[in-house]
C-alpha atoms as a PDB file:
ATOM      1  CA  UNK A   1       8.999  33.754 -10.477  1.00  0.00           C
ATOM      2  CA  UNK A   2       9.954  30.214  -9.564  1.00  0.00           C
ATOM      3  CA  UNK A   3       7.181  28.085  -8.139  1.00  0.00           C
ATOM      4  CA  UNK A   4       7.737  25.787  -5.191  1.00  0.00           C
ATOM      5  CA  UNK A   5       6.349  22.294  -5.276  1.00  0.00           C
ATOM      6  CA  UNK A   6       5.245  20.795  -1.999  1.00  0.00           C
ATOM      7  CA  UNK A   7       6.457  17.250  -1.500  1.00  0.00           C
ATOM      8  CA  UNK A   8       5.073  14.808   1.002  1.00  0.00           C
ATOM      9  CA  UNK A   9       7.353  13.398   3.660  1.00  0.00           C
ATOM     10  CA  UNK A  10       8.355   9.786   3.179  1.00  0.00           C
ATOM     11  CA  UNK A  11       6.023   7.479   5.092  1.00  0.00           C
ATOM     12  CA  UNK A  12       7.252   5.974   8.339  1.00  0.00           C
ATOM     13  CA  UNK A  13       4.779   3.120   7.985  1.00  0.00           C
ATOM     14  CA  UNK A  14       3.235   1.789   4.810  1.00  0.00           C
ATOM     15  CA  UNK A  15       1.025  -1.265   4.501  1.00  0.00           C
ATOM     16  CA  UNK A  16      -0.022  -2.826   1.225  1.00  0.00           C
ATOM     17  CA  UNK A  17      -2.948  -5.243   0.945  1.00  0.00           C
ATOM     18  CA  UNK A  18      -2.466  -6.341   4.560  1.00  0.00           C
ATOM     19  CA  UNK A  19      -4.492  -9.351   5.679  1.00  0.00           C
ATOM     20  CA  UNK A  20      -4.928 -11.156   8.985  1.00  0.00           C
ATOM     21  CA  UNK A  21      -7.203 -14.200   9.105  1.00  0.00           C
ATOM     22  CA  UNK A  22      -7.904 -16.426  12.090  1.00  0.00           C
ATOM     23  CA  UNK A  23      -8.893 -20.069  11.850  1.00  0.00           C
ATOM     24  CA  UNK A  24     -12.238 -20.918  13.458  1.00  0.00           C
ATOM     25  CA  UNK A  25     -14.343 -24.094  13.454  1.00  0.00           C
ATOM     26  CA  UNK A  26     -16.574 -22.428  10.854  1.00  0.00           C
ATOM     27  CA  UNK A  27     -13.771 -21.271   8.555  1.00  0.00           C
ATOM     28  CA  UNK A  28     -11.475 -18.261   8.197  1.00  0.00           C
ATOM     29  CA  UNK A  29     -12.347 -15.134  10.167  1.00  0.00           C
ATOM     30  CA  UNK A  30     -11.281 -12.134   8.061  1.00  0.00           C
ATOM     31  CA  UNK A  31     -10.225  -9.752  10.844  1.00  0.00           C
ATOM     32  CA  UNK A  32      -8.123  -7.538   8.550  1.00  0.00           C
ATOM     33  CA  UNK A  33      -8.791  -7.900   4.850  1.00  0.00           C
ATOM     34  CA  UNK A  34      -6.741  -6.233   2.109  1.00  0.00           C
ATOM     35  CA  UNK A  35      -6.009  -2.878   3.778  1.00  0.00           C
ATOM     36  CA  UNK A  36      -3.515  -0.382   2.340  1.00  0.00           C
ATOM     37  CA  UNK A  37      -2.410   3.043   3.590  1.00  0.00           C
ATOM     38  CA  UNK A  38       0.681   4.987   4.642  1.00  0.00           C
ATOM     39  CA  UNK A  39       1.467   7.281   7.576  1.00  0.00           C
ATOM     40  CA  UNK A  40       3.898  10.146   7.081  1.00  0.00           C
ATOM     41  CA  UNK A  41       6.592  10.844   9.657  1.00  0.00           C
ATOM     42  CA  UNK A  42       5.286  12.819  12.608  1.00  0.00           C
ATOM     43  CA  UNK A  43       1.633  12.411  11.613  1.00  0.00           C
ATOM     44  CA  UNK A  44      -1.269  10.662  13.330  1.00  0.00           C
ATOM     45  CA  UNK A  45      -3.770   8.423  11.564  1.00  0.00           C
ATOM     46  CA  UNK A  46      -6.912   7.574  13.503  1.00  0.00           C
ATOM     47  CA  UNK A  47      -8.658   4.246  12.946  1.00  0.00           C
ATOM     48  CA  UNK A  48     -12.364   4.120  13.828  1.00  0.00           C
ATOM     49  CA  UNK A  49     -15.238   1.699  13.502  1.00  0.00           C
ATOM     50  CA  UNK A  50     -17.593  -0.284  15.691  1.00  0.00           C
ATOM     51  CA  UNK A  51     -16.410  -3.027  18.042  1.00  0.00           C
ATOM     52  CA  UNK A  52     -15.149  -6.093  16.206  1.00  0.00           C
ATOM     53  CA  UNK A  53     -14.260  -4.287  12.968  1.00  0.00           C
ATOM     54  CA  UNK A  54     -10.560  -5.206  13.251  1.00  0.00           C
ATOM     55  CA  UNK A  55      -9.066  -1.882  14.462  1.00  0.00           C
ATOM     56  CA  UNK A  56      -6.904  -3.346  17.211  1.00  0.00           C
ATOM     57  CA  UNK A  57      -5.966  -6.399  15.145  1.00  0.00           C
ATOM     58  CA  UNK A  58      -4.725  -4.079  12.400  1.00  0.00           C
ATOM     59  CA  UNK A  59      -2.408  -2.237  14.798  1.00  0.00           C
ATOM     60  CA  UNK A  60      -1.130  -5.427  16.400  1.00  0.00           C
ATOM     61  CA  UNK A  61      -0.470  -7.006  13.003  1.00  0.00           C
ATOM     62  CA  UNK A  62       1.555  -4.011  11.832  1.00  0.00           C
ATOM     63  CA  UNK A  63       3.911  -4.291  14.836  1.00  0.00           C
ATOM     64  CA  UNK A  64       4.040  -8.113  14.659  1.00  0.00           C
ATOM     65  CA  UNK A  65       2.095  -8.972  17.808  1.00  0.00           C
ATOM     66  CA  UNK A  66       0.082 -10.937  15.246  1.00  0.00           C
ATOM     67  CA  UNK A  67       1.781 -12.306  12.162  1.00  0.00           C
ATOM     68  CA  UNK A  68       0.097 -11.271   8.935  1.00  0.00           C
ATOM     69  CA  UNK A  69      -1.705 -13.712   6.638  1.00  0.00           C
ATOM     70  CA  UNK A  70      -0.835 -11.708   3.520  1.00  0.00           C
ATOM     71  CA  UNK A  71       0.298  -8.332   2.237  1.00  0.00           C
ATOM     72  CA  UNK A  72       3.357  -6.245   3.058  1.00  0.00           C
ATOM     73  CA  UNK A  73       4.497  -3.954   5.885  1.00  0.00           C
ATOM     74  CA  UNK A  74       7.178  -1.308   5.340  1.00  0.00           C
ATOM     75  CA  UNK A  75       9.000   0.659   8.047  1.00  0.00           C
ATOM     76  CA  UNK A  76      11.053   3.575   6.689  1.00  0.00           C
ATOM     77  CA  UNK A  77      10.852   1.975   3.261  1.00  0.00           C
ATOM     78  CA  UNK A  78      12.211  -1.382   4.471  1.00  0.00           C
ATOM     79  CA  UNK A  79      10.045  -4.484   4.080  1.00  0.00           C
ATOM     80  CA  UNK A  80       9.504  -5.907   7.590  1.00  0.00           C
ATOM     81  CA  UNK A  81       6.711  -8.324   6.693  1.00  0.00           C
ATOM     82  CA  UNK A  82       8.738 -11.432   7.500  1.00  0.00           C
ATOM     83  CA  UNK A  83      11.371 -11.161  10.221  1.00  0.00           C
ATOM     84  CA  UNK A  84      13.441 -13.663  12.177  1.00  0.00           C
ATOM     85  CA  UNK A  85      13.781 -13.330  15.958  1.00  0.00           C
ATOM     86  CA  UNK A  86      16.883 -11.128  15.801  1.00  0.00           C
ATOM     87  CA  UNK A  87      15.388  -8.824  13.157  1.00  0.00           C
ATOM     88  CA  UNK A  88      12.097  -8.610  15.051  1.00  0.00           C
ATOM     89  CA  UNK A  89      13.876  -7.610  18.257  1.00  0.00           C
ATOM     90  CA  UNK A  90      15.644  -4.760  16.447  1.00  0.00           C
ATOM     91  CA  UNK A  91      12.405  -3.697  14.735  1.00  0.00           C
ATOM     92  CA  UNK A  92      10.574  -3.628  18.070  1.00  0.00           C
ATOM     93  CA  UNK A  93      12.890  -0.862  19.224  1.00  0.00           C
ATOM     94  CA  UNK A  94      11.396   1.267  16.432  1.00  0.00           C
ATOM     95  CA  UNK A  95       7.745   0.143  16.871  1.00  0.00           C
ATOM     96  CA  UNK A  96       5.833   0.106  20.142  1.00  0.00           C
ATOM     97  CA  UNK A  97       2.287   0.005  21.478  1.00  0.00           C
ATOM     98  CA  UNK A  98       0.307   1.646  24.259  1.00  0.00           C
ATOM     99  CA  UNK A  99      -2.377  -0.815  25.334  1.00  0.00           C
ATOM    100  CA  UNK A 100      -6.009  -0.105  26.165  1.00  0.00           C
ATOM    101  CA  UNK A 101      -5.988  -1.443  29.722  1.00  0.00           C
ATOM    102  CA  UNK A 102      -3.170   0.183  31.719  1.00  0.00           C
ATOM    103  CA  UNK A 103      -3.582  -2.367  34.534  1.00  0.00           C
ATOM    104  CA  UNK A 104      -3.413  -5.713  32.747  1.00  0.00           C
ATOM    105  CA  UNK A 105      -0.634  -4.479  30.425  1.00  0.00           C
ATOM    106  CA  UNK A 106       1.758  -3.846  33.338  1.00  0.00           C
ATOM    107  CA  UNK A 107       3.562  -6.507  35.362  1.00  0.00           C
ATOM    108  CA  UNK A 108       2.006  -6.356  38.826  1.00  0.00           C
ATOM    109  CA  UNK A 109       5.159  -7.736  40.442  1.00  0.00           C
ATOM    110  CA  UNK A 110       7.385  -4.937  39.179  1.00  0.00           C
ATOM    111  CA  UNK A 111       7.655  -1.403  40.523  1.00  0.00           C
ATOM    112  CA  UNK A 112       7.179   1.687  38.359  1.00  0.00           C
ATOM    113  CA  UNK A 113      10.948   2.136  38.167  1.00  0.00           C
ATOM    114  CA  UNK A 114      11.537  -1.497  37.174  1.00  0.00           C
ATOM    115  CA  UNK A 115       8.841  -1.411  34.460  1.00  0.00           C
ATOM    116  CA  UNK A 116      10.298   1.714  32.809  1.00  0.00           C
ATOM    117  CA  UNK A 117      13.875   0.539  33.277  1.00  0.00           C
ATOM    118  CA  UNK A 118      13.336  -2.918  31.726  1.00  0.00           C
ATOM    119  CA  UNK A 119      13.346  -1.951  27.992  1.00  0.00           C
ATOM    120  CA  UNK A 120      16.357   0.298  28.606  1.00  0.00           C
ATOM    121  CA  UNK A 121      18.301  -2.558  30.197  1.00  0.00           C
ATOM    122  CA  UNK A 122      17.287  -5.084  27.520  1.00  0.00           C
ATOM    123  CA  UNK A 123      18.522  -2.772  24.767  1.00  0.00           C
ATOM    124  CA  UNK A 124      22.058  -2.845  26.265  1.00  0.00           C
ATOM    125  CA  UNK A 125      22.571   0.747  25.173  1.00  0.00           C
ATOM    126  CA  UNK A 126      23.153   2.153  28.658  1.00  0.00           C
ATOM    127  CA  UNK A 127      25.570   1.704  31.541  1.00  0.00           C
ATOM    128  CA  UNK A 128      24.160   1.392  35.074  1.00  0.00           C
ATOM    129  CA  UNK A 129      24.463   5.092  35.913  1.00  0.00           C
ATOM    130  CA  UNK A 130      22.954   6.003  32.556  1.00  0.00           C
ATOM    131  CA  UNK A 131      20.068   3.587  33.208  1.00  0.00           C
ATOM    132  CA  UNK A 132      19.209   5.420  36.423  1.00  0.00           C
ATOM    133  CA  UNK A 133      19.403   8.816  34.738  1.00  0.00           C
ATOM    134  CA  UNK A 134      17.353   7.739  31.728  1.00  0.00           C
ATOM    135  CA  UNK A 135      14.672   6.156  33.940  1.00  0.00           C
ATOM    136  CA  UNK A 136      14.383   9.388  35.912  1.00  0.00           C
ATOM    137  CA  UNK A 137      14.202  11.408  32.689  1.00  0.00           C
ATOM    138  CA  UNK A 138      11.376   9.252  31.317  1.00  0.00           C
ATOM    139  CA  UNK A 139       9.404   9.485  34.555  1.00  0.00           C
ATOM    140  CA  UNK A 140       9.722  13.271  34.472  1.00  0.00           C
ATOM    141  CA  UNK A 141       8.861  13.371  30.762  1.00  0.00           C
ATOM    142  CA  UNK A 142       5.499  11.627  31.243  1.00  0.00           C
ATOM    143  CA  UNK A 143       4.682  13.343  34.538  1.00  0.00           C
ATOM    144  CA  UNK A 144       5.249  10.570  37.088  1.00  0.00           C
ATOM    145  CA  UNK A 145       6.319  11.913  40.487  1.00  0.00           C
ATOM    146  CA  UNK A 146       9.690  10.602  41.809  1.00  0.00           C
ATOM    147  CA  UNK A 147       7.939   9.458  45.014  1.00  0.00           C
ATOM    148  CA  UNK A 148       6.095   6.799  42.982  1.00  0.00           C
ATOM    149  CA  UNK A 149       9.213   5.043  41.676  1.00  0.00           C
ATOM    150  CA  UNK A 150       8.884   2.178  44.201  1.00  0.00           C
ATOM    151  CA  UNK A 151       5.089   1.868  43.801  1.00  0.00           C
ATOM    152  CA  UNK A 152       3.380  -1.123  42.188  1.00  0.00           C
ATOM    153  CA  UNK A 153       0.680  -0.823  39.489  1.00  0.00           C
ATOM    154  CA  UNK A 154      -2.159  -1.681  41.878  1.00  0.00           C
ATOM    155  CA  UNK A 155      -1.182   1.304  44.034  1.00  0.00           C
ATOM    156  CA  UNK A 156      -1.679   3.766  41.168  1.00  0.00           C
ATOM    157  CA  UNK A 157      -4.794   5.248  39.594  1.00  0.00           C
ATOM    158  CA  UNK A 158      -5.633   4.593  35.940  1.00  0.00           C
ATOM    159  CA  UNK A 159      -4.076   7.802  34.637  1.00  0.00           C
ATOM    160  CA  UNK A 160      -0.729   7.190  36.327  1.00  0.00           C
ATOM    161  CA  UNK A 161      -0.718   3.563  35.163  1.00  0.00           C
ATOM    162  CA  UNK A 162      -1.205   4.710  31.590  1.00  0.00           C
ATOM    163  CA  UNK A 163       1.632   7.202  31.999  1.00  0.00           C
ATOM    164  CA  UNK A 164       3.848   4.294  33.049  1.00  0.00           C
ATOM    165  CA  UNK A 165       2.730   2.377  29.944  1.00  0.00           C
ATOM    166  CA  UNK A 166       3.525   5.391  27.754  1.00  0.00           C
ATOM    167  CA  UNK A 167       6.959   5.820  29.371  1.00  0.00           C
ATOM    168  CA  UNK A 168       7.726   2.155  28.685  1.00  0.00           C
ATOM    169  CA  UNK A 169       6.576   2.499  25.065  1.00  0.00           C
ATOM    170  CA  UNK A 170       8.718   5.574  24.308  1.00  0.00           C
ATOM    171  CA  UNK A 171      11.771   4.419  26.318  1.00  0.00           C
ATOM    172  CA  UNK A 172      13.870   3.612  23.225  1.00  0.00           C
ATOM    173  CA  UNK A 173      12.658   6.585  21.189  1.00  0.00           C
ATOM    174  CA  UNK A 174      10.502   4.589  18.723  1.00  0.00           C
ATOM    175  CA  UNK A 175       9.563   5.955  15.332  1.00  0.00           C
ATOM    176  CA  UNK A 176       6.067   4.434  15.279  1.00  0.00           C
ATOM    177  CA  UNK A 177       3.624   3.875  18.137  1.00  0.00           C
ATOM    178  CA  UNK A 178       0.237   2.169  18.008  1.00  0.00           C
ATOM    179  CA  UNK A 179      -2.122   3.710  20.573  1.00  0.00           C
ATOM    180  CA  UNK A 180      -4.764   1.025  21.075  1.00  0.00           C
ATOM    181  CA  UNK A 181      -7.669   2.895  22.685  1.00  0.00           C
ATOM    182  CA  UNK A 182      -5.280   4.303  25.330  1.00  0.00           C
ATOM    183  CA  UNK A 183      -7.860   6.522  27.049  1.00  0.00           C
ATOM    184  CA  UNK A 184     -11.060   4.474  26.837  1.00  0.00           C
ATOM    185  CA  UNK A 185     -10.570   2.995  30.329  1.00  0.00           C
ATOM    186  CA  UNK A 186      -9.907   6.396  31.940  1.00  0.00           C
ATOM    187  CA  UNK A 187     -12.121   9.089  33.438  1.00  0.00           C
ATOM    188  CA  UNK A 188     -12.964  11.967  31.086  1.00  0.00           C
ATOM    189  CA  UNK A 189     -10.787  14.480  32.984  1.00  0.00           C
ATOM    190  CA  UNK A 190      -7.820  12.093  32.862  1.00  0.00           C
ATOM    191  CA  UNK A 191      -8.433  11.325  29.172  1.00  0.00           C
ATOM    192  CA  UNK A 192      -7.647  14.924  28.229  1.00  0.00           C
ATOM    193  CA  UNK A 193      -4.401  14.859  30.218  1.00  0.00           C
ATOM    194  CA  UNK A 194      -3.202  11.647  28.552  1.00  0.00           C
ATOM    195  CA  UNK A 195      -4.193  12.850  25.061  1.00  0.00           C
ATOM    196  CA  UNK A 196      -2.316  16.124  25.558  1.00  0.00           C
ATOM    197  CA  UNK A 197       0.686  14.166  26.857  1.00  0.00           C
ATOM    198  CA  UNK A 198       0.731  11.997  23.722  1.00  0.00           C
ATOM    199  CA  UNK A 199       0.504  15.047  21.461  1.00  0.00           C
ATOM    200  CA  UNK A 200       3.289  16.845  23.348  1.00  0.00           C
ATOM    201  CA  UNK A 201       5.522  13.755  23.159  1.00  0.00           C
ATOM    202  CA  UNK A 202       4.823  13.450  19.440  1.00  0.00           C
ATOM    203  CA  UNK A 203       5.874  17.057  18.854  1.00  0.00           C
ATOM    204  CA  UNK A 204       8.998  16.646  20.976  1.00  0.00           C
ATOM    205  CA  UNK A 205      10.124  13.254  19.646  1.00  0.00           C
ATOM    206  CA  UNK A 206       8.750  13.343  16.092  1.00  0.00           C
ATOM    207  CA  UNK A 207       6.877  10.064  16.524  1.00  0.00           C
ATOM    208  CA  UNK A 208       4.372   8.695  14.031  1.00  0.00           C
ATOM    209  CA  UNK A 209       1.132   7.495  15.640  1.00  0.00           C
ATOM    210  CA  UNK A 210      -1.702   5.178  14.734  1.00  0.00           C
ATOM    211  CA  UNK A 211      -4.562   5.987  17.098  1.00  0.00           C
ATOM    212  CA  UNK A 212      -7.197   3.258  17.448  1.00  0.00           C
ATOM    213  CA  UNK A 213     -10.446   4.355  19.070  1.00  0.00           C
ATOM    214  CA  UNK A 214     -14.225   4.192  18.957  1.00  0.00           C
ATOM    215  CA  UNK A 215     -14.536   7.717  20.412  1.00  0.00           C
ATOM    216  CA  UNK A 216     -15.085  10.057  17.472  1.00  0.00           C
ATOM    217  CA  UNK A 217     -14.491  13.244  19.471  1.00  0.00           C
ATOM    218  CA  UNK A 218     -11.111  11.926  20.600  1.00  0.00           C
ATOM    219  CA  UNK A 219     -10.020  10.918  17.101  1.00  0.00           C
ATOM    220  CA  UNK A 220     -11.077  14.300  15.723  1.00  0.00           C
ATOM    221  CA  UNK A 221      -8.916  16.022  18.330  1.00  0.00           C
ATOM    222  CA  UNK A 222      -5.711  14.058  17.791  1.00  0.00           C
ATOM    223  CA  UNK A 223      -5.667  12.788  14.186  1.00  0.00           C
ATOM    224  CA  UNK A 224      -4.405  14.303  10.929  1.00  0.00           C
ATOM    225  CA  UNK A 225      -6.389  11.790   8.870  1.00  0.00           C
ATOM    226  CA  UNK A 226      -8.871   9.015   9.656  1.00  0.00           C
ATOM    227  CA  UNK A 227      -9.475   5.488   8.366  1.00  0.00           C
ATOM    228  CA  UNK A 228     -12.975   4.082   8.777  1.00  0.00           C
ATOM    229  CA  UNK A 229     -13.140   0.298   9.073  1.00  0.00           C
ATOM    230  CA  UNK A 230     -16.089  -2.041   8.730  1.00  0.00           C
ATOM    231  CA  UNK A 231     -15.788  -5.813   9.265  1.00  0.00           C
ATOM    232  CA  UNK A 232     -12.095  -5.980   8.473  1.00  0.00           C
ATOM    233  CA  UNK A 233     -12.096  -3.647   5.474  1.00  0.00           C
ATOM    234  CA  UNK A 234     -11.328   0.045   5.055  1.00  0.00           C
ATOM    235  CA  UNK A 235     -14.395   1.771   3.617  1.00  0.00           C
ATOM    236  CA  UNK A 236     -13.170   5.380   3.716  1.00  0.00           C
ATOM    237  CA  UNK A 237     -10.020   7.374   4.461  1.00  0.00           C
ATOM    238  CA  UNK A 238      -9.686  11.146   4.406  1.00  0.00           C
ATOM    239  CA  UNK A 239      -8.071  14.118   6.161  1.00  0.00           C
ATOM    240  CA  UNK A 240      -9.828  14.609   9.504  1.00  0.00           C
ATOM    241  CA  UNK A 241     -11.492  17.933   8.736  1.00  0.00           C
ATOM    242  CA  UNK A 242     -12.765  16.742   5.374  1.00  0.00           C
ATOM    243  CA  UNK A 243     -14.117  13.467   6.765  1.00  0.00           C
ATOM    244  CA  UNK A 244     -16.175  15.256   9.413  1.00  0.00           C
ATOM    245  CA  UNK A 245     -17.413  17.899   6.990  1.00  0.00           C
ATOM    246  CA  UNK A 246     -18.057  15.686   3.945  1.00  0.00           C
ATOM    247  CA  UNK A 247     -18.350  11.976   4.787  1.00  0.00           C
ATOM    248  CA  UNK A 248     -19.175   9.995   1.646  1.00  0.00           C
ATOM    249  CA  UNK A 249     -19.577   6.316   2.531  1.00  0.00           C
ATOM    250  CA  UNK A 250     -23.043   5.441   3.935  1.00  0.00           C
ATOM    251  CA  UNK A 251     -21.419   3.719   6.919  1.00  0.00           C
ATOM    252  CA  UNK A 252     -19.243   6.747   7.711  1.00  0.00           C
ATOM    253  CA  UNK A 253     -22.328   8.966   7.590  1.00  0.00           C
ATOM    254  CA  UNK A 254     -24.177   6.672   9.997  1.00  0.00           C
ATOM    255  CA  UNK A 255     -21.161   6.546  12.317  1.00  0.00           C
ATOM    256  CA  UNK A 256     -20.769  10.318  12.466  1.00  0.00           C
ATOM    257  CA  UNK A 257     -24.505  10.824  12.956  1.00  0.00           C
ATOM    258  CA  UNK A 258     -24.125   9.123  16.359  1.00  0.00           C
ATOM    259  CA  UNK A 259     -22.119  12.090  17.690  1.00  0.00           C
ATOM    260  CA  UNK A 260     -24.382  14.018  20.106  1.00  0.00           C
ATOM    261  CA  UNK A 261     -25.235  17.535  18.930  1.00  0.00           C
ATOM    262  CA  UNK A 262     -25.015  20.529  21.291  1.00  0.00           C
ATOM    263  CA  UNK A 263     -26.971  22.782  18.924  1.00  0.00           C
ATOM    264  CA  UNK A 264     -30.572  22.680  20.166  1.00  0.00           C
ATOM    265  CA  UNK A 265     -31.772  24.692  17.161  1.00  0.00           C
ATOM    266  CA  UNK A 266     -30.099  22.429  14.601  1.00  0.00           C
ATOM    267  CA  UNK A 267     -29.895  18.944  16.123  1.00  0.00           C
ATOM    268  CA  UNK A 268     -28.144  16.328  14.016  1.00  0.00           C
ATOM    269  CA  UNK A 269     -30.328  13.646  12.481  1.00  0.00           C
ATOM    270  CA  UNK A 270     -29.404  10.176  13.678  1.00  0.00           C
ATOM    271  CA  UNK A 271     -29.101   7.517  10.969  1.00  0.00           C
ATOM    272  CA  UNK A 272     -30.374   4.230  12.403  1.00  0.00           C
ATOM    273  CA  UNK A 273     -29.035   1.124  10.704  1.00  0.00           C
ATOM    274  CA  UNK A 274     -31.227  -1.920  10.197  1.00  0.00           C
ATOM    275  CA  UNK A 275     -30.568  -5.403   8.892  1.00  0.00           C
ATOM    276  CA  UNK A 276     -28.281  -8.292   9.791  1.00  0.00           C
ATOM    277  CA  UNK A 277     -24.539  -7.833  10.209  1.00  0.00           C
ATOM    278  CA  UNK A 278     -22.595  -9.875   7.656  1.00  0.00           C
ATOM    279  CA  UNK A 279     -20.493 -12.668   9.161  1.00  0.00           C
ATOM    280  CA  UNK A 280     -16.728 -12.010   8.959  1.00  0.00           C
ATOM    281  CA  UNK A 281     -16.182 -15.772   8.626  1.00  0.00           C
ATOM    282  CA  UNK A 282     -15.683 -16.693   4.960  1.00  0.00           C
ATOM    283  CA  UNK A 283     -17.473 -13.508   3.787  1.00  0.00           C
ATOM    284  CA  UNK A 284     -18.794 -13.391   0.247  1.00  0.00           C
ATOM    285  CA  UNK A 285     -17.310 -10.939  -2.272  1.00  0.00           C
ATOM    286  CA  UNK A 286     -18.954  -7.555  -2.326  1.00  0.00           C
ATOM    287  CA  UNK A 287     -19.679  -4.766   0.121  1.00  0.00           C
ATOM    288  CA  UNK A 288     -19.952  -6.121   3.669  1.00  0.00           C
ATOM    289  CA  UNK A 289     -22.114  -3.176   4.652  1.00  0.00           C
ATOM    290  CA  UNK A 290     -24.712  -3.925   1.940  1.00  0.00           C
ATOM    291  CA  UNK A 291     -27.016  -5.901   4.255  1.00  0.00           C
ATOM    292  CA  UNK A 292     -27.448  -2.778   6.436  1.00  0.00           C
ATOM    293  CA  UNK A 293     -27.184  -0.102   3.743  1.00  0.00           C
ATOM    294  CA  UNK A 294     -30.455   1.578   2.660  1.00  0.00           C
ATOM    295  CA  UNK A 295     -28.935   2.334  -0.770  1.00  0.00           C
ATOM    296  CA  UNK A 296     -27.671  -1.164  -1.624  1.00  0.00           C
ATOM    297  CA  UNK A 297     -28.298  -2.557  -5.109  1.00  0.00           C
ATOM    298  CA  UNK A 298     -27.218  -5.695  -6.964  1.00  0.00           C
ATOM    299  CA  UNK A 299     -24.001  -3.900  -7.954  1.00  0.00           C
ATOM    300  CA  UNK A 300     -22.999  -3.896  -4.286  1.00  0.00           C
ATOM    301  CA  UNK A 301     -22.687  -7.693  -4.395  1.00  0.00           C
ATOM    302  CA  UNK A 302     -19.611  -7.308  -6.605  1.00  0.00           C
ATOM    303  CA  UNK A 303     -16.108  -6.715  -5.128  1.00  0.00           C
ATOM    304  CA  UNK A 304     -15.653  -3.049  -4.178  1.00  0.00           C
ATOM    305  CA  UNK A 305     -12.554  -0.947  -4.844  1.00  0.00           C
ATOM    306  CA  UNK A 306     -11.193   2.105  -3.067  1.00  0.00           C
ATOM    307  CA  UNK A 307     -11.626   5.086  -5.390  1.00  0.00           C
ATOM    308  CA  UNK A 308      -9.979   8.478  -4.865  1.00  0.00           C
ATOM    309  CA  UNK A 309     -12.738  11.084  -5.022  1.00  0.00           C
ATOM    310  CA  UNK A 310     -10.604  14.009  -3.807  1.00  0.00           C
ATOM    311  CA  UNK A 311      -6.952  14.492  -2.810  1.00  0.00           C
ATOM    312  CA  UNK A 312      -6.145  11.906  -0.083  1.00  0.00           C
ATOM    313  CA  UNK A 313      -9.848  11.000   0.155  1.00  0.00           C
ATOM    314  CA  UNK A 314     -10.689   7.430  -0.868  1.00  0.00           C
ATOM    315  CA  UNK A 315     -14.005   5.588  -0.610  1.00  0.00           C
ATOM    316  CA  UNK A 316     -14.993   1.972  -1.184  1.00  0.00           C
ATOM    317  CA  UNK A 317     -18.509   2.266  -2.605  1.00  0.00           C
ATOM    318  CA  UNK A 318     -19.638   1.690  -6.178  1.00  0.00           C
ATOM    319  CA  UNK A 319     -22.508   4.200  -5.741  1.00  0.00           C
ATOM    320  CA  UNK A 320     -20.521   6.968  -4.032  1.00  0.00           C
ATOM    321  CA  UNK A 321     -20.720   9.502  -6.911  1.00  0.00           C
ATOM    322  CA  UNK A 322     -24.383   8.786  -7.541  1.00  0.00           C
ATOM    323  CA  UNK A 323     -25.413   9.052  -3.883  1.00  0.00           C
ATOM    324  CA  UNK A 324     -23.457  12.209  -3.150  1.00  0.00           C
ATOM    325  CA  UNK A 325     -24.778  14.047  -6.197  1.00  0.00           C
ATOM    326  CA  UNK A 326     -28.341  13.819  -4.919  1.00  0.00           C
END
């Protein structure tokens, strides 16, 4: 009997050794430092970590809202690391972002209809009648009532504003969308609606998503795999189910221990981190989590490498095998 071999889909986005540094009076701030991963077409990768770890900067660098300091970015196998203005404009039709704050990301002087219509008009793909039809279709697609077409952002609640932002982002049928904490500013009941909308749109349009968040329950719900970042570096990446069941990096374990437990008979044990946070400005080689890690040794002062410990599960910790065999 012939055996079938499963092949992975080609990645929509692939980044190799991506870096983004910012100049400060004290030196170079390593916001994103030597990160590599790929996202398959139609999949969602969640990016988690505490505030200031570089999650949002990573997403913005990939879509060229920030220009990278080093490394490479590939979209559908094409190197888009360095683009001129014309090339960037064409690439932006394939890459979009949904911002965290649905109020400040919308032009307060434009109506809902004008905001959604703008990218359609700028693309020059549509005639006037087609523009009207496509605007109506997008409003219906994201659940914005026709009566709100002449409303301004300040007249809408947070959920409807974010729907407008999503409609604008998907207007030109992009292949890749960065969702930069798109529900963190919304009420819990509205969060679920927006998350379900994003998942439905992904299924319908085949989009590839990078979902940036600090909410671990949200990322577990929406992501196929998860990257854990700490001070600009990726310390662990694994399929979602595996990461929650078998976290390996000490930082990942501490992060997941913060999730409240609903089991009163088996409450989760919180891992409290102590020690000073390493400065991201001109950081020394070695593990940046070492100053807070209870298992750190002298070996942790050496540069760390991502090691594959299981299929699609990589960890940056020189003691990972030793610690997880205890």
